[in-house]
Amino acid sequence: MADGSGRFWGGLLIGSAIGAAAGILLTPRTGKETRRKLIQSGSKLTASVQLQADRLTDKLGDQLNEITESAQKTIGDTTERVQEAIAAGQEASRKLSQELKMAYPLGNSLPNSTDASIEEESA
């Protein structure tokens, strides 16, 4: 509807109704013939509106399906990337923990930040 097709179909519908009514009312016919013609025009208009509504419904349904599929793919891709990041973080944490345990076995204390900076300066 953002492309103006709704305005087009609305204008077409109103124009058709006005044109049909003017044509029927301005044609010299008996009352019975005029009523029959109005009923026929109303039926045609109803069928036309129903057809356009069905087409619009199908189009919107297709667009909704495309959007849904795209959103599901995006969610799936994002979930996969988050899971990979979590796994990488867990692996890095496990490796760092092992390195710290090897570098500082039980009973030895970890250096504090001032000890580490002094060691770096002296090296």
N, C-alpha and C. Protein backbone atom coordinates (compact mmCIF):
# COMPACT_ATOMS: atom_id res chain seq x y z
N MET A 1 0.81 -1.18 0.00
CA MET A 1 0.00 0.00 0.00
C MET A 1 0.87 1.26 0.00
N ALA A 2 2.10 1.14 0.42
CA ALA A 2 2.98 2.30 0.49
C ALA A 2 3.28 2.85 -0.91
N ASP A 3 3.12 2.02 -1.95
CA ASP A 3 3.42 2.48 -3.30
C ASP A 3 2.25 3.19 -3.96
N GLY A 4 1.16 3.44 -3.25
CA GLY A 4 0.02 4.17 -3.78
C GLY A 4 -1.02 3.29 -4.43
N SER A 5 -0.83 1.97 -4.40
CA SER A 5 -1.80 1.09 -5.05
C SER A 5 -3.14 1.13 -4.34
N GLY A 6 -3.16 1.38 -3.05
CA GLY A 6 -4.41 1.47 -2.31
C GLY A 6 -5.24 2.66 -2.77
N ARG A 7 -4.59 3.77 -3.01
CA ARG A 7 -5.28 4.96 -3.50
C ARG A 7 -5.83 4.71 -4.90
N PHE A 8 -5.05 4.01 -5.72
CA PHE A 8 -5.48 3.70 -7.07
C PHE A 8 -6.75 2.85 -7.04
N TRP A 9 -6.70 1.76 -6.25
CA TRP A 9 -7.86 0.86 -6.20
C TRP A 9 -9.07 1.54 -5.58
N GLY A 10 -8.86 2.36 -4.62
CA GLY A 10 -9.97 3.12 -4.02
C GLY A 10 -10.59 4.06 -5.02
N GLY A 11 -9.76 4.76 -5.77
CA GLY A 11 -10.25 5.66 -6.81
C GLY A 11 -10.98 4.91 -7.92
N LEU A 12 -10.43 3.76 -8.28
CA LEU A 12 -11.07 2.94 -9.31
C LEU A 12 -12.44 2.47 -8.84
N LEU A 13 -12.53 2.05 -7.62
CA LEU A 13 -13.79 1.58 -7.06
C LEU A 13 -14.83 2.69 -7.03
N ILE A 14 -14.45 3.84 -6.51
CA ILE A 14 -15.38 4.97 -6.43
C ILE A 14 -15.77 5.45 -7.84
N GLY A 15 -14.80 5.54 -8.72
CA GLY A 15 -15.09 5.95 -10.10
C GLY A 15 -16.03 4.98 -10.80
N SER A 16 -15.82 3.71 -10.58
CA SER A 16 -16.70 2.70 -11.18
C SER A 16 -18.12 2.83 -10.66
N ALA A 17 -18.26 3.03 -9.37
CA ALA A 17 -19.58 3.16 -8.77
C ALA A 17 -20.29 4.40 -9.31
N ILE A 18 -19.60 5.50 -9.37
CA ILE A 18 -20.21 6.75 -9.87
C ILE A 18 -20.58 6.60 -11.35
N GLY A 19 -19.68 6.04 -12.13
CA GLY A 19 -19.94 5.85 -13.56
C GLY A 19 -21.12 4.92 -13.81
N ALA A 20 -21.20 3.84 -13.04
CA ALA A 20 -22.30 2.89 -13.21
C ALA A 20 -23.62 3.55 -12.83
N ALA A 21 -23.62 4.24 -11.71
CA ALA A 21 -24.85 4.90 -11.26
C ALA A 21 -25.29 5.97 -12.27
N ALA A 22 -24.38 6.77 -12.77
CA ALA A 22 -24.72 7.82 -13.73
C ALA A 22 -25.25 7.20 -15.03
N GLY A 23 -24.60 6.16 -15.49
CA GLY A 23 -25.04 5.51 -16.72
C GLY A 23 -26.43 4.92 -16.59
N ILE A 24 -26.68 4.34 -15.45
CA ILE A 24 -27.99 3.72 -15.24
C ILE A 24 -29.08 4.77 -15.10
N LEU A 25 -28.79 5.79 -14.33
CA LEU A 25 -29.82 6.79 -14.06
C LEU A 25 -30.09 7.70 -15.25
N LEU A 26 -29.13 7.88 -16.12
CA LEU A 26 -29.31 8.78 -17.25
C LEU A 26 -29.85 8.08 -18.50
N THR A 27 -29.91 6.78 -18.49
CA THR A 27 -30.43 6.03 -19.62
C THR A 27 -31.95 5.92 -19.50
N PRO A 28 -32.69 6.24 -20.55
CA PRO A 28 -34.15 6.15 -20.45
C PRO A 28 -34.62 4.69 -20.43
N ARG A 29 -35.06 4.23 -19.25
CA ARG A 29 -35.56 2.87 -19.08
C ARG A 29 -36.75 2.93 -18.14
N THR A 30 -37.43 1.84 -18.08
CA THR A 30 -38.53 1.74 -17.12
C THR A 30 -37.93 1.53 -15.74
N GLY A 31 -38.73 1.72 -14.70
CA GLY A 31 -38.26 1.50 -13.32
C GLY A 31 -37.79 0.09 -13.09
N LYS A 32 -38.51 -0.88 -13.66
CA LYS A 32 -38.14 -2.29 -13.49
C LYS A 32 -36.79 -2.56 -14.15
N GLU A 33 -36.59 -2.06 -15.35
CA GLU A 33 -35.31 -2.25 -16.04
C GLU A 33 -34.17 -1.55 -15.29
N THR A 34 -34.44 -0.39 -14.78
CA THR A 34 -33.41 0.35 -14.03
C THR A 34 -33.01 -0.41 -12.78
N ARG A 35 -33.99 -0.95 -12.06
CA ARG A 35 -33.67 -1.73 -10.85
C ARG A 35 -32.85 -2.97 -11.20
N ARG A 36 -33.24 -3.65 -12.28
CA ARG A 36 -32.50 -4.84 -12.71
C ARG A 36 -31.06 -4.47 -13.06
N LYS A 37 -30.91 -3.37 -13.77
CA LYS A 37 -29.57 -2.91 -14.16
C LYS A 37 -28.75 -2.52 -12.93
N LEU A 38 -29.37 -1.86 -11.95
CA LEU A 38 -28.67 -1.51 -10.71
C LEU A 38 -28.21 -2.77 -9.98
N ILE A 39 -29.06 -3.77 -9.94
CA ILE A 39 -28.70 -5.03 -9.27
C ILE A 39 -27.53 -5.69 -9.99
N GLN A 40 -27.57 -5.71 -11.32
CA GLN A 40 -26.47 -6.29 -12.09
C GLN A 40 -25.17 -5.53 -11.85
N SER A 41 -25.27 -4.20 -11.87
CA SER A 41 -24.07 -3.39 -11.64
C SER A 41 -23.53 -3.60 -10.23
N GLY A 42 -24.42 -3.68 -9.28
CA GLY A 42 -24.00 -3.95 -7.90
C GLY A 42 -23.32 -5.29 -7.78
N SER A 43 -23.84 -6.30 -8.46
CA SER A 43 -23.22 -7.63 -8.44
C SER A 43 -21.85 -7.61 -9.07
N LYS A 44 -21.74 -6.90 -10.22
CA LYS A 44 -20.43 -6.80 -10.88
C LYS A 44 -19.43 -6.07 -10.00
N LEU A 45 -19.89 -5.00 -9.38
CA LEU A 45 -19.01 -4.23 -8.50
C LEU A 45 -18.57 -5.06 -7.31
N THR A 46 -19.50 -5.80 -6.74
CA THR A 46 -19.18 -6.67 -5.60
C THR A 46 -18.15 -7.72 -6.02
N ALA A 47 -18.34 -8.33 -7.19
CA ALA A 47 -17.39 -9.33 -7.68
C ALA A 47 -16.02 -8.71 -7.91
N SER A 48 -16.00 -7.51 -8.47
CA SER A 48 -14.73 -6.82 -8.72
C SER A 48 -14.00 -6.51 -7.42
N VAL A 49 -14.75 -6.00 -6.45
CA VAL A 49 -14.15 -5.68 -5.15
C VAL A 49 -13.63 -6.96 -4.49
N GLN A 50 -14.39 -8.04 -4.58
CA GLN A 50 -13.96 -9.31 -3.97
C GLN A 50 -12.69 -9.82 -4.63
N LEU A 51 -12.63 -9.72 -5.96
CA LEU A 51 -11.44 -10.16 -6.68
C LEU A 51 -10.22 -9.34 -6.26
N GLN A 52 -10.37 -8.04 -6.18
CA GLN A 52 -9.25 -7.18 -5.78
C GLN A 52 -8.85 -7.46 -4.33
N ALA A 53 -9.82 -7.69 -3.48
CA ALA A 53 -9.53 -8.01 -2.08
C ALA A 53 -8.77 -9.33 -1.99
N ASP A 54 -9.17 -10.31 -2.79
CA ASP A 54 -8.48 -11.61 -2.79
C ASP A 54 -7.04 -11.45 -3.27
N ARG A 55 -6.86 -10.65 -4.33
CA ARG A 55 -5.50 -10.43 -4.84
C ARG A 55 -4.63 -9.72 -3.80
N LEU A 56 -5.20 -8.73 -3.15
CA LEU A 56 -4.47 -7.99 -2.13
C LEU A 56 -4.13 -8.90 -0.95
N THR A 57 -5.08 -9.73 -0.56
CA THR A 57 -4.84 -10.67 0.54
C THR A 57 -3.71 -11.62 0.19
N ASP A 58 -3.72 -12.14 -1.04
CA ASP A 58 -2.65 -13.04 -1.47
C ASP A 58 -1.29 -12.33 -1.46
N LYS A 59 -1.28 -11.10 -1.97
CA LYS A 59 -0.03 -10.34 -2.03
C LYS A 59 0.50 -10.08 -0.62
N LEU A 60 -0.39 -9.65 0.28
CA LEU A 60 0.03 -9.38 1.65
C LEU A 60 0.48 -10.66 2.34
N GLY A 61 -0.20 -11.76 2.06
CA GLY A 61 0.20 -13.05 2.64
C GLY A 61 1.59 -13.44 2.18
N ASP A 62 1.87 -13.26 0.90
CA ASP A 62 3.20 -13.58 0.37
C ASP A 62 4.27 -12.70 1.02
N GLN A 63 3.97 -11.41 1.15
CA GLN A 63 4.94 -10.50 1.78
C GLN A 63 5.16 -10.87 3.24
N LEU A 64 4.09 -11.24 3.94
CA LEU A 64 4.22 -11.64 5.33
C LEU A 64 5.08 -12.88 5.46
N ASN A 65 4.89 -13.84 4.56
CA ASN A 65 5.71 -15.05 4.58
C ASN A 65 7.18 -14.73 4.34
N GLU A 66 7.46 -13.83 3.40
CA GLU A 66 8.84 -13.44 3.13
C GLU A 66 9.48 -12.77 4.35
N ILE A 67 8.73 -11.88 4.98
CA ILE A 67 9.24 -11.18 6.17
C ILE A 67 9.48 -12.18 7.29
N THR A 68 8.56 -13.11 7.48
CA THR A 68 8.69 -14.11 8.54
C THR A 68 9.92 -14.98 8.30
N GLU A 69 10.10 -15.44 7.07
CA GLU A 69 11.26 -16.26 6.75
C GLU A 69 12.56 -15.49 6.97
N SER A 70 12.58 -14.24 6.56
CA SER A 70 13.78 -13.41 6.73
C SER A 70 14.08 -13.22 8.22
N ALA A 71 13.06 -12.94 9.00
CA ALA A 71 13.25 -12.75 10.44
C ALA A 71 13.75 -14.03 11.10
N GLN A 72 13.19 -15.17 10.71
CA GLN A 72 13.63 -16.44 11.29
C GLN A 72 15.08 -16.72 10.94
N LYS A 73 15.47 -16.42 9.70
CA LYS A 73 16.87 -16.63 9.30
C LYS A 73 17.79 -15.72 10.10
N THR A 74 17.40 -14.46 10.24
CA THR A 74 18.22 -13.51 11.01
C THR A 74 18.35 -13.95 12.45
N ILE A 75 17.26 -14.38 13.04
CA ILE A 75 17.30 -14.86 14.43
C ILE A 75 18.19 -16.08 14.55
N GLY A 76 18.06 -17.00 13.59
CA GLY A 76 18.90 -18.21 13.60
C GLY A 76 20.37 -17.87 13.47
N ASP A 77 20.70 -16.97 12.54
CA ASP A 77 22.10 -16.57 12.35
C ASP A 77 22.65 -15.89 13.60
N THR A 78 21.86 -15.01 14.19
CA THR A 78 22.29 -14.29 15.39
C THR A 78 22.49 -15.26 16.55
N THR A 79 21.57 -16.19 16.71
CA THR A 79 21.68 -17.19 17.78
C THR A 79 22.95 -18.02 17.61
N GLU A 80 23.22 -18.39 16.38
CA GLU A 80 24.43 -19.18 16.10
C GLU A 80 25.69 -18.38 16.45
N ARG A 81 25.73 -17.10 16.07
CA ARG A 81 26.90 -16.27 16.37
C ARG A 81 27.08 -16.07 17.88
N VAL A 82 25.97 -15.89 18.59
CA VAL A 82 26.05 -15.73 20.04
C VAL A 82 26.56 -17.01 20.69
N GLN A 83 26.07 -18.16 20.22
CA GLN A 83 26.53 -19.43 20.78
C GLN A 83 28.02 -19.64 20.51
N GLU A 84 28.47 -19.26 19.31
CA GLU A 84 29.89 -19.36 18.98
C GLU A 84 30.72 -18.45 19.88
N ALA A 85 30.23 -17.24 20.11
CA ALA A 85 30.95 -16.30 20.98
C ALA A 85 31.02 -16.81 22.41
N ILE A 86 29.93 -17.38 22.89
CA ILE A 86 29.92 -17.94 24.25
C ILE A 86 30.91 -19.09 24.34
N ALA A 87 30.90 -19.97 23.35
CA ALA A 87 31.83 -21.11 23.34
C ALA A 87 33.28 -20.62 23.31
N ALA A 88 33.56 -19.60 22.49
CA ALA A 88 34.92 -19.06 22.42
C ALA A 88 35.33 -18.45 23.76
N GLY A 89 34.41 -17.74 24.39
CA GLY A 89 34.70 -17.15 25.71
C GLY A 89 34.95 -18.21 26.76
N GLN A 90 34.16 -19.27 26.74
CA GLN A 90 34.34 -20.36 27.69
C GLN A 90 35.68 -21.06 27.47
N GLU A 91 36.03 -21.26 26.19
CA GLU A 91 37.31 -21.90 25.88
C GLU A 91 38.48 -21.01 26.31
N ALA A 92 38.39 -19.71 26.06
CA ALA A 92 39.46 -18.80 26.48
C ALA A 92 39.58 -18.78 28.00
N SER A 93 38.45 -18.79 28.68
CA SER A 93 38.46 -18.81 30.14
C SER A 93 39.09 -20.11 30.66
N ARG A 94 38.76 -21.23 30.03
CA ARG A 94 39.33 -22.53 30.44
C ARG A 94 40.84 -22.54 30.23
N LYS A 95 41.30 -22.04 29.07
CA LYS A 95 42.73 -22.02 28.80
C LYS A 95 43.47 -21.11 29.78
N LEU A 96 42.90 -19.94 30.06
CA LEU A 96 43.54 -19.02 30.99
C LEU A 96 43.60 -19.63 32.38
N SER A 97 42.54 -20.31 32.77
CA SER A 97 42.53 -20.96 34.08
C SER A 97 43.63 -22.02 34.16
N GLN A 98 43.78 -22.81 33.08
CA GLN A 98 44.84 -23.84 33.07
C GLN A 98 46.22 -23.20 33.12
N GLU A 99 46.40 -22.12 32.36
CA GLU A 99 47.70 -21.44 32.36
C GLU A 99 48.02 -20.89 33.74
N LEU A 100 47.03 -20.31 34.39
CA LEU A 100 47.25 -19.77 35.72
C LEU A 100 47.56 -20.88 36.72
N LYS A 101 46.87 -21.99 36.61
CA LYS A 101 47.14 -23.13 37.52
C LYS A 101 48.53 -23.68 37.31
N MET A 102 48.99 -23.70 36.05
CA MET A 102 50.34 -24.20 35.79
C MET A 102 51.39 -23.19 36.25
N ALA A 103 51.14 -21.92 36.05
CA ALA A 103 52.10 -20.88 36.42
C ALA A 103 52.17 -20.69 37.92
N TYR A 104 51.04 -20.89 38.58
CA TYR A 104 50.98 -20.67 40.03
C TYR A 104 50.32 -21.87 40.70
N PRO A 105 51.10 -22.94 40.90
CA PRO A 105 50.52 -24.12 41.55
C PRO A 105 50.02 -23.77 42.96
N LEU A 106 49.23 -24.65 43.55
CA LEU A 106 48.68 -24.42 44.88
C LEU A 106 49.78 -24.06 45.87
N GLY A 107 49.49 -23.10 46.69
CA GLY A 107 50.45 -22.66 47.69
C GLY A 107 51.19 -21.41 47.25
N ASN A 108 51.35 -21.19 45.98
CA ASN A 108 51.99 -19.97 45.49
C ASN A 108 50.91 -18.94 45.24
N SER A 109 51.21 -17.73 45.58
CA SER A 109 50.21 -16.68 45.39
C SER A 109 50.39 -16.04 44.02
N LEU A 110 49.30 -15.48 43.53
CA LEU A 110 49.35 -14.77 42.26
C LEU A 110 50.01 -13.42 42.50
N PRO A 111 50.79 -12.94 41.55
CA PRO A 111 51.39 -11.62 41.74
C PRO A 111 50.31 -10.55 41.66
N ASN A 112 50.48 -9.51 42.48
CA ASN A 112 49.52 -8.41 42.35
C ASN A 112 50.01 -7.47 41.25
N SER A 113 49.23 -6.51 40.92
CA SER A 113 49.54 -5.67 39.77
C SER A 113 50.82 -4.87 39.97
N THR A 114 51.16 -4.47 41.19
CA THR A 114 52.40 -3.71 41.38
C THR A 114 53.61 -4.60 41.25
N ASP A 115 53.52 -5.86 41.68
CA ASP A 115 54.64 -6.79 41.50
C ASP A 115 54.91 -7.04 40.02
N ALA A 116 53.85 -7.20 39.24
CA ALA A 116 53.99 -7.47 37.82
C ALA A 116 54.61 -6.27 37.11
N SER A 117 54.21 -5.07 37.48
CA SER A 117 54.77 -3.90 36.81
C SER A 117 56.23 -3.70 37.19
N ILE A 118 56.62 -4.08 38.42
CA ILE A 118 58.02 -3.96 38.83
C ILE A 118 58.85 -4.96 38.05
N GLU A 119 58.33 -6.18 37.88
CA GLU A 119 59.07 -7.21 37.14
C GLU A 119 59.26 -6.78 35.68
N GLU A 120 58.26 -6.14 35.09
CA GLU A 120 58.35 -5.70 33.69
C GLU A 120 59.41 -4.61 33.56
N GLU A 121 59.48 -3.70 34.52
CA GLU A 121 60.45 -2.62 34.46
C GLU A 121 61.87 -3.14 34.61
N SER A 122 62.07 -4.15 35.45
CA SER A 122 63.40 -4.65 35.67
C SER A 122 63.89 -5.54 34.52
N ALA A 123 62.99 -6.02 33.70
CA ALA A 123 63.36 -6.92 32.61
C ALA A 123 63.88 -6.22 31.42
